[in-house]
Amino acid sequence: MDTPFENTIRVGEIVRAEAFPEARKPHMTKLWIDLGEESLVQSAGQLDYHYDAADLEGRRVLCGTDLGSVRVAGFKSEVLTVGVPSEAGYPVLVSPDEQGVLGGILY
């Protein structure tokens, strides 16, 4: 699939987040992420171990793009929101130190 976001990690901004209790895995959160250039994508992750959904809105994150999509309880997750494990093993989001350009490529 040819897209402007092919095989990259890009800067995105979470524009909407909400709890995802209908997912099979616990602590899931739905995310809508702006990757710039009028590209809004969705992602799902086990984030409410460390984050309230309302506090995620406006946060810049790194997203793995063009990895394919998966359906999680009917929700289409199109990008991988990049995280690392906390000491307890739960996801902690990776964010740029400064705002970074929406859609900017990690290099």
PDB file of N, CA and C in Angstrom:
ATOM      1  N   MET A   1       0.847  -1.179   0.000  1.00  0.00           N
ATOM      2  CA  MET A   1       0.000   0.000   0.000  1.00  0.00           C
ATOM      3  C   MET A   1       0.888   1.236   0.000  1.00  0.00           C
ATOM      4  N   ASP A   2       0.710   2.123  -0.950  1.00  0.00           N
ATOM      5  CA  ASP A   2       1.483   3.352  -1.014  1.00  0.00           C
ATOM      6  C   ASP A   2       0.753   4.465  -0.291  1.00  0.00           C
ATOM      7  N   THR A   3       1.359   4.968   0.763  1.00  0.00           N
ATOM      8  CA  THR A   3       0.806   6.092   1.516  1.00  0.00           C
ATOM      9  C   THR A   3       1.952   7.035   1.826  1.00  0.00           C
ATOM     10  N   PRO A   4       1.646   8.284   2.181  1.00  0.00           N
ATOM     11  CA  PRO A   4       2.730   9.189   2.566  1.00  0.00           C
ATOM     12  C   PRO A   4       3.368   8.797   3.896  1.00  0.00           C
ATOM     13  N   PHE A   5       2.817   7.798   4.602  1.00  0.00           N
ATOM     14  CA  PHE A   5       3.313   7.408   5.916  1.00  0.00           C
ATOM     15  C   PHE A   5       3.925   6.014   5.888  1.00  0.00           C
ATOM     16  N   GLU A   6       4.475   5.618   4.761  1.00  0.00           N
ATOM     17  CA  GLU A   6       4.947   4.266   4.577  1.00  0.00           C
ATOM     18  C   GLU A   6       6.159   3.931   5.461  1.00  0.00           C
ATOM     19  N   ASN A   7       6.042   2.844   6.236  1.00  0.00           N
ATOM     20  CA  ASN A   7       7.147   2.266   7.001  1.00  0.00           C
ATOM     21  C   ASN A   7       7.958   3.273   7.807  1.00  0.00           C
ATOM     22  N   THR A   8       7.303   4.069   8.605  1.00  0.00           N
ATOM     23  CA  THR A   8       8.007   5.095   9.362  1.00  0.00           C
ATOM     24  C   THR A   8       7.453   5.211  10.767  1.00  0.00           C
ATOM     25  N   ILE A   9       8.205   5.910  11.599  1.00  0.00           N
ATOM     26  CA  ILE A   9       7.708   6.342  12.899  1.00  0.00           C
ATOM     27  C   ILE A   9       7.553   7.849  12.797  1.00  0.00           C
ATOM     28  N   ARG A  10       6.357   8.325  13.104  1.00  0.00           N
ATOM     29  CA  ARG A  10       6.011   9.735  12.917  1.00  0.00           C
ATOM     30  C   ARG A  10       5.477  10.344  14.204  1.00  0.00           C
ATOM     31  N   VAL A  11       5.576  11.669  14.267  1.00  0.00           N
ATOM     32  CA  VAL A  11       5.023  12.430  15.382  1.00  0.00           C
ATOM     33  C   VAL A  11       3.534  12.643  15.134  1.00  0.00           C
ATOM     34  N   GLY A  12       2.738  12.351  16.132  1.00  0.00           N
ATOM     35  CA  GLY A  12       1.303  12.591  16.064  1.00  0.00           C
ATOM     36  C   GLY A  12       0.832  13.280  17.329  1.00  0.00           C
ATOM     37  N   GLU A  13      -0.358  13.849  17.281  1.00  0.00           N
ATOM     38  CA  GLU A  13      -0.960  14.477  18.456  1.00  0.00           C
ATOM     39  C   GLU A  13      -2.302  13.815  18.735  1.00  0.00           C
ATOM     40  N   ILE A  14      -2.472  13.377  19.959  1.00  0.00           N
ATOM     41  CA  ILE A  14      -3.730  12.752  20.354  1.00  0.00           C
ATOM     42  C   ILE A  14      -4.789  13.848  20.438  1.00  0.00           C
ATOM     43  N   VAL A  15      -5.822  13.731  19.612  1.00  0.00           N
ATOM     44  CA  VAL A  15      -6.883  14.733  19.597  1.00  0.00           C
ATOM     45  C   VAL A  15      -8.121  14.259  20.348  1.00  0.00           C
ATOM     46  N   ARG A  16      -8.219  12.946  20.550  1.00  0.00           N
ATOM     47  CA  ARG A  16      -9.343  12.385  21.307  1.00  0.00           C
ATOM     48  C   ARG A  16      -8.893  11.072  21.916  1.00  0.00           C
ATOM     49  N   ALA A  17      -9.337  10.814  23.132  1.00  0.00           N
ATOM     50  CA  ALA A  17      -9.027   9.553  23.807  1.00  0.00           C
ATOM     51  C   ALA A  17     -10.210   9.169  24.672  1.00  0.00           C
ATOM     52  N   GLU A  18     -10.485   7.878  24.741  1.00  0.00           N
ATOM     53  CA  GLU A  18     -11.566   7.418  25.616  1.00  0.00           C
ATOM     54  C   GLU A  18     -11.293   5.996  26.090  1.00  0.00           C
ATOM     55  N   ALA A  19     -11.845   5.684  27.229  1.00  0.00           N
ATOM     56  CA  ALA A  19     -11.711   4.338  27.785  1.00  0.00           C
ATOM     57  C   ALA A  19     -12.323   3.330  26.818  1.00  0.00           C
ATOM     58  N   PHE A  20     -11.843   2.102  26.871  1.00  0.00           N
ATOM     59  CA  PHE A  20     -12.257   1.063  25.930  1.00  0.00           C
ATOM     60  C   PHE A  20     -12.612  -0.211  26.702  1.00  0.00           C
ATOM     61  N   PRO A  21     -13.655  -0.148  27.533  1.00  0.00           N
ATOM     62  CA  PRO A  21     -13.985  -1.294  28.392  1.00  0.00           C
ATOM     63  C   PRO A  21     -14.462  -2.529  27.636  1.00  0.00           C
ATOM     64  N   GLU A  22     -14.952  -2.363  26.401  1.00  0.00           N
ATOM     65  CA  GLU A  22     -15.449  -3.519  25.657  1.00  0.00           C
ATOM     66  C   GLU A  22     -14.331  -4.373  25.051  1.00  0.00           C
ATOM     67  N   ALA A  23     -13.089  -3.917  25.107  1.00  0.00           N
ATOM     68  CA  ALA A  23     -11.957  -4.701  24.609  1.00  0.00           C
ATOM     69  C   ALA A  23     -11.708  -5.906  25.511  1.00  0.00           C
ATOM     70  N   ARG A  24     -11.204  -6.972  24.929  1.00  0.00           N
ATOM     71  CA  ARG A  24     -10.929  -8.197  25.686  1.00  0.00           C
ATOM     72  C   ARG A  24      -9.805  -7.991  26.693  1.00  0.00           C
ATOM     73  N   LYS A  25      -8.744  -7.269  26.291  1.00  0.00           N
ATOM     74  CA  LYS A  25      -7.637  -7.001  27.209  1.00  0.00           C
ATOM     75  C   LYS A  25      -8.036  -5.891  28.177  1.00  0.00           C
ATOM     76  N   PRO A  26      -7.528  -5.935  29.387  1.00  0.00           N
ATOM     77  CA  PRO A  26      -7.860  -4.882  30.360  1.00  0.00           C
ATOM     78  C   PRO A  26      -7.094  -3.583  30.101  1.00  0.00           C
ATOM     79  N   HIS A  27      -7.608  -2.503  30.634  1.00  0.00           N
ATOM     80  CA  HIS A  27      -6.926  -1.202  30.656  1.00  0.00           C
ATOM     81  C   HIS A  27      -6.708  -0.590  29.271  1.00  0.00           C
ATOM     82  N   MET A  28      -7.576  -0.904  28.330  1.00  0.00           N
ATOM     83  CA  MET A  28      -7.427  -0.398  26.967  1.00  0.00           C
ATOM     84  C   MET A  28      -7.987   1.020  26.828  1.00  0.00           C
ATOM     85  N   THR A  29      -7.366   1.768  25.925  1.00  0.00           N
ATOM     86  CA  THR A  29      -7.777   3.134  25.613  1.00  0.00           C
ATOM     87  C   THR A  29      -7.831   3.277  24.101  1.00  0.00           C
ATOM     88  N   LYS A  30      -8.884   3.935  23.587  1.00  0.00           N
ATOM     89  CA  LYS A  30      -8.992   4.274  22.168  1.00  0.00           C
ATOM     90  C   LYS A  30      -8.374   5.650  21.965  1.00  0.00           C
ATOM     91  N   LEU A  31      -7.605   5.792  20.884  1.00  0.00           N
ATOM     92  CA  LEU A  31      -6.971   7.068  20.559  1.00  0.00           C
ATOM     93  C   LEU A  31      -7.294   7.464  19.123  1.00  0.00           C
ATOM     94  N   TRP A  32      -7.500   8.755  18.912  1.00  0.00           N
ATOM     95  CA  TRP A  32      -7.581   9.344  17.583  1.00  0.00           C
ATOM     96  C   TRP A  32      -6.404  10.298  17.507  1.00  0.00           C
ATOM     97  N   ILE A  33      -5.540  10.099  16.506  1.00  0.00           N
ATOM     98  CA  ILE A  33      -4.256  10.792  16.439  1.00  0.00           C
ATOM     99  C   ILE A  33      -4.131  11.549  15.124  1.00  0.00           C
ATOM    100  N   ASP A  34      -3.765  12.826  15.224  1.00  0.00           N
ATOM    101  CA  ASP A  34      -3.522  13.674  14.064  1.00  0.00           C
ATOM    102  C   ASP A  34      -2.064  13.520  13.653  1.00  0.00           C
ATOM    103  N   LEU A  35      -1.834  13.046  12.419  1.00  0.00           N
ATOM    104  CA  LEU A  35      -0.473  12.914  11.895  1.00  0.00           C
ATOM    105  C   LEU A  35      -0.132  14.038  10.932  1.00  0.00           C
ATOM    106  N   GLY A  36      -0.920  15.096  10.928  1.00  0.00           N
ATOM    107  CA  GLY A  36      -0.683  16.214  10.029  1.00  0.00           C
ATOM    108  C   GLY A  36      -1.205  15.919   8.638  1.00  0.00           C
ATOM    109  N   GLU A  37      -1.135  16.926   7.778  1.00  0.00           N
ATOM    110  CA  GLU A  37      -1.576  16.786   6.396  1.00  0.00           C
ATOM    111  C   GLU A  37      -2.951  16.141   6.292  1.00  0.00           C
ATOM    112  N   GLU A  38      -3.858  16.545   7.178  1.00  0.00           N
ATOM    113  CA  GLU A  38      -5.242  16.071   7.189  1.00  0.00           C
ATOM    114  C   GLU A  38      -5.346  14.556   7.353  1.00  0.00           C
ATOM    115  N   SER A  39      -4.428  13.968   8.082  1.00  0.00           N
ATOM    116  CA  SER A  39      -4.435  12.527   8.307  1.00  0.00           C
ATOM    117  C   SER A  39      -4.754  12.234   9.771  1.00  0.00           C
ATOM    118  N   LEU A  40      -5.974  11.754  10.016  1.00  0.00           N
ATOM    119  CA  LEU A  40      -6.403  11.363  11.354  1.00  0.00           C
ATOM    120  C   LEU A  40      -6.481   9.844  11.377  1.00  0.00           C
ATOM    121  N   VAL A  41      -5.776   9.225  12.315  1.00  0.00           N
ATOM    122  CA  VAL A  41      -5.731   7.771  12.418  1.00  0.00           C
ATOM    123  C   VAL A  41      -6.179   7.349  13.812  1.00  0.00           C
ATOM    124  N   GLN A  42      -6.452   6.071  13.944  1.00  0.00           N
ATOM    125  CA  GLN A  42      -6.890   5.508  15.223  1.00  0.00           C
ATOM    126  C   GLN A  42      -5.849   4.523  15.737  1.00  0.00           C
ATOM    127  N   SER A  43      -5.798   4.414  17.060  1.00  0.00           N
ATOM    128  CA  SER A  43      -4.902   3.460  17.701  1.00  0.00           C
ATOM    129  C   SER A  43      -5.548   2.997  18.998  1.00  0.00           C
ATOM    130  N   ALA A  44      -5.222   1.795  19.419  1.00  0.00           N
ATOM    131  CA  ALA A  44      -5.714   1.274  20.694  1.00  0.00           C
ATOM    132  C   ALA A  44      -4.530   0.725  21.470  1.00  0.00           C
ATOM    133  N   GLY A  45      -4.510   0.964  22.761  1.00  0.00           N
ATOM    134  CA  GLY A  45      -3.417   0.456  23.578  1.00  0.00           C
ATOM    135  C   GLY A  45      -3.810   0.316  25.029  1.00  0.00           C
ATOM    136  N   GLN A  46      -3.060  -0.474  25.768  1.00  0.00           N
ATOM    137  CA  GLN A  46      -3.285  -0.679  27.194  1.00  0.00           C
ATOM    138  C   GLN A  46      -2.630   0.466  27.966  1.00  0.00           C
ATOM    139  N   LEU A  47      -3.283   1.599  27.967  1.00  0.00           N
ATOM    140  CA  LEU A  47      -2.667   2.809  28.502  1.00  0.00           C
ATOM    141  C   LEU A  47      -3.203   3.256  29.846  1.00  0.00           C
ATOM    142  N   ASP A  48      -4.354   2.756  30.280  1.00  0.00           N
ATOM    143  CA  ASP A  48      -4.904   3.340  31.507  1.00  0.00           C
ATOM    144  C   ASP A  48      -4.285   2.802  32.790  1.00  0.00           C
ATOM    145  N   TYR A  49      -3.199   2.045  32.660  1.00  0.00           N
ATOM    146  CA  TYR A  49      -2.385   1.742  33.840  1.00  0.00           C
ATOM    147  C   TYR A  49      -1.726   3.029  34.342  1.00  0.00           C
ATOM    148  N   HIS A  50      -1.342   3.897  33.382  1.00  0.00           N
ATOM    149  CA  HIS A  50      -0.605   5.114  33.716  1.00  0.00           C
ATOM    150  C   HIS A  50      -1.306   6.411  33.342  1.00  0.00           C
ATOM    151  N   TYR A  51      -2.341   6.348  32.481  1.00  0.00           N
ATOM    152  CA  TYR A  51      -2.922   7.570  31.942  1.00  0.00           C
ATOM    153  C   TYR A  51      -4.444   7.561  32.021  1.00  0.00           C
ATOM    154  N   ASP A  52      -5.026   8.696  32.385  1.00  0.00           N
ATOM    155  CA  ASP A  52      -6.465   8.912  32.231  1.00  0.00           C
ATOM    156  C   ASP A  52      -6.679   9.381  30.807  1.00  0.00           C
ATOM    157  N   ALA A  53      -7.733   8.892  30.164  1.00  0.00           N
ATOM    158  CA  ALA A  53      -7.978   9.240  28.766  1.00  0.00           C
ATOM    159  C   ALA A  53      -8.010  10.753  28.554  1.00  0.00           C
ATOM    160  N   ALA A  54      -8.679  11.489  29.414  1.00  0.00           N
ATOM    161  CA  ALA A  54      -8.808  12.947  29.241  1.00  0.00           C
ATOM    162  C   ALA A  54      -7.445  13.643  29.282  1.00  0.00           C
ATOM    163  N   ASP A  55      -6.504  13.093  30.038  1.00  0.00           N
ATOM    164  CA  ASP A  55      -5.175  13.711  30.149  1.00  0.00           C
ATOM    165  C   ASP A  55      -4.302  13.458  28.918  1.00  0.00           C
ATOM    166  N   LEU A  56      -4.694  12.527  28.058  1.00  0.00           N
ATOM    167  CA  LEU A  56      -3.905  12.220  26.868  1.00  0.00           C
ATOM    168  C   LEU A  56      -4.148  13.201  25.732  1.00  0.00           C
ATOM    169  N   GLU A  57      -5.312  13.826  25.716  1.00  0.00           N
ATOM    170  CA  GLU A  57      -5.652  14.733  24.624  1.00  0.00           C
ATOM    171  C   GLU A  57      -4.683  15.912  24.601  1.00  0.00           C
ATOM    172  N   GLY A  58      -4.133  16.183  23.404  1.00  0.00           N
ATOM    173  CA  GLY A  58      -3.154  17.246  23.223  1.00  0.00           C
ATOM    174  C   GLY A  58      -1.715  16.784  23.359  1.00  0.00           C
ATOM    175  N   ARG A  59      -1.499  15.555  23.767  1.00  0.00           N
ATOM    176  CA  ARG A  59      -0.149  15.023  23.952  1.00  0.00           C
ATOM    177  C   ARG A  59       0.429  14.578  22.608  1.00  0.00           C
ATOM    178  N   ARG A  60       1.686  14.893  22.376  1.00  0.00           N
ATOM    179  CA  ARG A  60       2.386  14.422  21.179  1.00  0.00           C
ATOM    180  C   ARG A  60       3.010  13.060  21.489  1.00  0.00           C
ATOM    181  N   VAL A  61       2.889  12.141  20.528  1.00  0.00           N
ATOM    182  CA  VAL A  61       3.388  10.778  20.686  1.00  0.00           C
ATOM    183  C   VAL A  61       4.079  10.343  19.395  1.00  0.00           C
ATOM    184  N   LEU A  62       4.799   9.254  19.464  1.00  0.00           N
ATOM    185  CA  LEU A  62       5.391   8.648  18.278  1.00  0.00           C
ATOM    186  C   LEU A  62       4.521   7.474  17.844  1.00  0.00           C
ATOM    187  N   CYS A  63       4.327   7.351  16.523  1.00  0.00           N
ATOM    188  CA  CYS A  63       3.444   6.322  15.967  1.00  0.00           C
ATOM    189  C   CYS A  63       4.148   5.547  14.866  1.00  0.00           C
ATOM    190  N   GLY A  64       4.105   4.225  14.956  1.00  0.00           N
ATOM    191  CA  GLY A  64       4.563   3.372  13.867  1.00  0.00           C
ATOM    192  C   GLY A  64       3.449   3.294  12.840  1.00  0.00           C
ATOM    193  N   THR A  65       3.761   3.679  11.605  1.00  0.00           N
ATOM    194  CA  THR A  65       2.739   3.750  10.565  1.00  0.00           C
ATOM    195  C   THR A  65       2.958   2.681   9.508  1.00  0.00           C
ATOM    196  N   ASP A  66       1.940   2.423   8.735  1.00  0.00           N
ATOM    197  CA  ASP A  66       1.941   1.460   7.628  1.00  0.00           C
ATOM    198  C   ASP A  66       2.371   0.067   8.085  1.00  0.00           C
ATOM    199  N   LEU A  67       1.902  -0.322   9.248  1.00  0.00           N
ATOM    200  CA  LEU A  67       2.172  -1.667   9.755  1.00  0.00           C
ATOM    201  C   LEU A  67       0.970  -2.572   9.548  1.00  0.00           C
ATOM    202  N   GLY A  68      -0.056  -2.022   8.892  1.00  0.00           N
ATOM    203  CA  GLY A  68      -1.313  -2.737   8.750  1.00  0.00           C
ATOM    204  C   GLY A  68      -2.241  -2.319   9.877  1.00  0.00           C
ATOM    205  N   SER A  69      -3.462  -2.741   9.791  1.00  0.00           N
ATOM    206  CA  SER A  69      -4.423  -2.401  10.835  1.00  0.00           C
ATOM    207  C   SER A  69      -4.983  -3.677  11.445  1.00  0.00           C
ATOM    208  N   VAL A  70      -5.489  -3.544  12.652  1.00  0.00           N
ATOM    209  CA  VAL A  70      -6.140  -4.657  13.341  1.00  0.00           C
ATOM    210  C   VAL A  70      -7.449  -4.143  13.920  1.00  0.00           C
ATOM    211  N   ARG A  71      -8.386  -5.049  14.091  1.00  0.00           N
ATOM    212  CA  ARG A  71      -9.653  -4.708  14.742  1.00  0.00           C
ATOM    213  C   ARG A  71      -9.584  -5.190  16.182  1.00  0.00           C
ATOM    214  N   VAL A  72      -9.883  -4.286  17.081  1.00  0.00           N
ATOM    215  CA  VAL A  72      -9.926  -4.601  18.504  1.00  0.00           C
ATOM    216  C   VAL A  72     -11.351  -4.307  18.958  1.00  0.00           C
ATOM    217  N   ALA A  73     -12.126  -5.336  19.228  1.00  0.00           N
ATOM    218  CA  ALA A  73     -13.523  -5.189  19.649  1.00  0.00           C
ATOM    219  C   ALA A  73     -14.281  -4.227  18.728  1.00  0.00           C
ATOM    220  N   GLY A  74     -14.073  -4.388  17.401  1.00  0.00           N
ATOM    221  CA  GLY A  74     -14.762  -3.573  16.412  1.00  0.00           C
ATOM    222  C   GLY A  74     -14.120  -2.236  16.108  1.00  0.00           C
ATOM    223  N   PHE A  75     -13.070  -1.861  16.846  1.00  0.00           N
ATOM    224  CA  PHE A  75     -12.375  -0.584  16.650  1.00  0.00           C
ATOM    225  C   PHE A  75     -11.158  -0.831  15.767  1.00  0.00           C
ATOM    226  N   LYS A  76     -11.002  -0.058  14.689  1.00  0.00           N
ATOM    227  CA  LYS A  76      -9.886  -0.228  13.767  1.00  0.00           C
ATOM    228  C   LYS A  76      -8.660   0.527  14.280  1.00  0.00           C
ATOM    229  N   SER A  77      -7.633  -0.208  14.682  1.00  0.00           N
ATOM    230  CA  SER A  77      -6.383   0.377  15.141  1.00  0.00           C
ATOM    231  C   SER A  77      -5.425   0.390  13.958  1.00  0.00           C
ATOM    232  N   GLU A  78      -5.078   1.610  13.486  1.00  0.00           N
ATOM    233  CA  GLU A  78      -4.337   1.773  12.237  1.00  0.00           C
ATOM    234  C   GLU A  78      -2.844   2.043  12.418  1.00  0.00           C
ATOM    235  N   VAL A  79      -2.445   2.499  13.587  1.00  0.00           N
ATOM    236  CA  VAL A  79      -1.033   2.772  13.861  1.00  0.00           C
ATOM    237  C   VAL A  79      -0.673   2.196  15.225  1.00  0.00           C
ATOM    238  N   LEU A  80       0.612   1.964  15.418  1.00  0.00           N
ATOM    239  CA  LEU A  80       1.127   1.515  16.707  1.00  0.00           C
ATOM    240  C   LEU A  80       1.624   2.738  17.459  1.00  0.00           C
ATOM    241  N   THR A  81       1.018   3.051  18.571  1.00  0.00           N
ATOM    242  CA  THR A  81       1.493   4.151  19.408  1.00  0.00           C
ATOM    243  C   THR A  81       2.669   3.600  20.212  1.00  0.00           C
ATOM    244  N   VAL A  82       3.840   4.210  20.043  1.00  0.00           N
ATOM    245  CA  VAL A  82       5.079   3.663  20.576  1.00  0.00           C
ATOM    246  C   VAL A  82       5.175   3.883  22.082  1.00  0.00           C
ATOM    247  N   GLY A  83       5.535   2.821  22.787  1.00  0.00           N
ATOM    248  CA  GLY A  83       5.722   2.890  24.224  1.00  0.00           C
ATOM    249  C   GLY A  83       6.853   1.977  24.659  1.00  0.00           C
ATOM    250  N   VAL A  84       7.220   2.105  25.903  1.00  0.00           N
ATOM    251  CA  VAL A  84       8.222   1.237  26.525  1.00  0.00           C
ATOM    252  C   VAL A  84       7.631   0.734  27.832  1.00  0.00           C
ATOM    253  N   PRO A  85       8.123  -0.381  28.363  1.00  0.00           N
ATOM    254  CA  PRO A  85       7.552  -0.896  29.601  1.00  0.00           C
ATOM    255  C   PRO A  85       8.010  -0.107  30.831  1.00  0.00           C
ATOM    256  N   SER A  86       7.078   0.081  31.752  1.00  0.00           N
ATOM    257  CA  SER A  86       7.433   0.639  33.059  1.00  0.00           C
ATOM    258  C   SER A  86       8.092  -0.474  33.867  1.00  0.00           C
ATOM    259  N   GLU A  87       8.546  -0.162  35.071  1.00  0.00           N
ATOM    260  CA  GLU A  87       9.137  -1.201  35.922  1.00  0.00           C
ATOM    261  C   GLU A  87       8.148  -2.325  36.199  1.00  0.00           C
ATOM    262  N   ALA A  88       6.862  -1.994  36.227  1.00  0.00           N
ATOM    263  CA  ALA A  88       5.826  -3.002  36.451  1.00  0.00           C
ATOM    264  C   ALA A  88       5.448  -3.728  35.157  1.00  0.00           C
ATOM    265  N   GLY A  89       6.011  -3.288  34.012  1.00  0.00           N
ATOM    266  CA  GLY A  89       5.740  -3.951  32.749  1.00  0.00           C
ATOM    267  C   GLY A  89       4.585  -3.376  31.953  1.00  0.00           C
ATOM    268  N   TYR A  90       4.056  -2.219  32.361  1.00  0.00           N
ATOM    269  CA  TYR A  90       2.930  -1.606  31.662  1.00  0.00           C
ATOM    270  C   TYR A  90       3.420  -0.501  30.734  1.00  0.00           C
ATOM    271  N   PRO A  91       2.707  -0.280  29.602  1.00  0.00           N
ATOM    272  CA  PRO A  91       3.171   0.695  28.612  1.00  0.00           C
ATOM    273  C   PRO A  91       3.266   2.131  29.132  1.00  0.00           C
ATOM    274  N   VAL A  92       4.385   2.767  28.796  1.00  0.00           N
ATOM    275  CA  VAL A  92       4.611   4.191  29.029  1.00  0.00           C
ATOM    276  C   VAL A  92       4.862   4.791  27.649  1.00  0.00           C
ATOM    277  N   LEU A  93       4.105   5.809  27.279  1.00  0.00           N
ATOM    278  CA  LEU A  93       4.214   6.398  25.951  1.00  0.00           C
ATOM    279  C   LEU A  93       5.563   7.069  25.720  1.00  0.00           C
ATOM    280  N   VAL A  94       6.037   7.004  24.472  1.00  0.00           N
ATOM    281  CA  VAL A  94       7.250   7.692  24.058  1.00  0.00           C
ATOM    282  C   VAL A  94       6.808   8.973  23.359  1.00  0.00           C
ATOM    283  N   SER A  95       7.343  10.099  23.821  1.00  0.00           N
ATOM    284  CA  SER A  95       6.983  11.407  23.269  1.00  0.00           C
ATOM    285  C   SER A  95       8.243  12.200  22.958  1.00  0.00           C
ATOM    286  N   PRO A  96       8.168  13.079  21.947  1.00  0.00           N
ATOM    287  CA  PRO A  96       9.320  13.947  21.700  1.00  0.00           C
ATOM    288  C   PRO A  96       9.494  14.930  22.852  1.00  0.00           C
ATOM    289  N   ASP A  97      10.744  15.318  23.173  1.00  0.00           N
ATOM    290  CA  ASP A  97      11.010  16.295  24.233  1.00  0.00           C
ATOM    291  C   ASP A  97      10.366  17.637  23.928  1.00  0.00           C
ATOM    292  N   GLU A  98      10.398  18.018  22.654  1.00  0.00           N
ATOM    293  CA  GLU A  98       9.764  19.256  22.218  1.00  0.00           C
ATOM    294  C   GLU A  98       8.599  18.864  21.326  1.00  0.00           C
ATOM    295  N   GLN A  99       7.776  19.830  20.936  1.00  0.00           N
ATOM    296  CA  GLN A  99       6.564  19.516  20.198  1.00  0.00           C
ATOM    297  C   GLN A  99       6.807  18.699  18.939  1.00  0.00           C
ATOM    298  N   GLY A 100       7.800  19.007  18.156  1.00  0.00           N
ATOM    299  CA  GLY A 100       8.007  18.294  16.899  1.00  0.00           C
ATOM    300  C   GLY A 100       6.895  18.617  15.916  1.00  0.00           C
ATOM    301  N   VAL A 101       7.182  18.489  14.644  1.00  0.00           N
ATOM    302  CA  VAL A 101       6.224  18.776  13.588  1.00  0.00           C
ATOM    303  C   VAL A 101       5.280  17.588  13.431  1.00  0.00           C
ATOM    304  N   LEU A 102       3.965  17.836  13.372  1.00  0.00           N
ATOM    305  CA  LEU A 102       3.018  16.760  13.149  1.00  0.00           C
ATOM    306  C   LEU A 102       3.381  16.030  11.862  1.00  0.00           C
ATOM    307  N   GLY A 103       3.458  14.724  11.935  1.00  0.00           N
ATOM    308  CA  GLY A 103       3.826  13.920  10.789  1.00  0.00           C
ATOM    309  C   GLY A 103       5.322  13.807  10.586  1.00  0.00           C
ATOM    310  N   GLY A 104       6.115  14.545  11.401  1.00  0.00           N
ATOM    311  CA  GLY A 104       7.575  14.488  11.276  1.00  0.00           C
ATOM    312  C   GLY A 104       8.080  13.076  11.461  1.00  0.00           C
ATOM    313  N   ILE A 105       9.100  12.713  10.694  1.00  0.00           N
ATOM    314  CA  ILE A 105       9.648  11.360  10.701  1.00  0.00           C
ATOM    315  C   ILE A 105      10.780  11.251  11.715  1.00  0.00           C
ATOM    316  N   LEU A 106      10.776  10.171  12.476  1.00  0.00           N
ATOM    317  CA  LEU A 106      11.866   9.884  13.404  1.00  0.00           C
ATOM    318  C   LEU A 106      13.113   9.539  12.592  1.00  0.00           C
ATOM    319  N   TYR A 107      14.226  10.192  12.965  1.00  0.00           N
ATOM    320  CA  TYR A 107      15.506   9.862  12.333  1.00  0.00           C
ATOM    321  C   TYR A 107      16.613   9.928  13.344  1.00  0.00           C
TER     322      TYR A 107
END
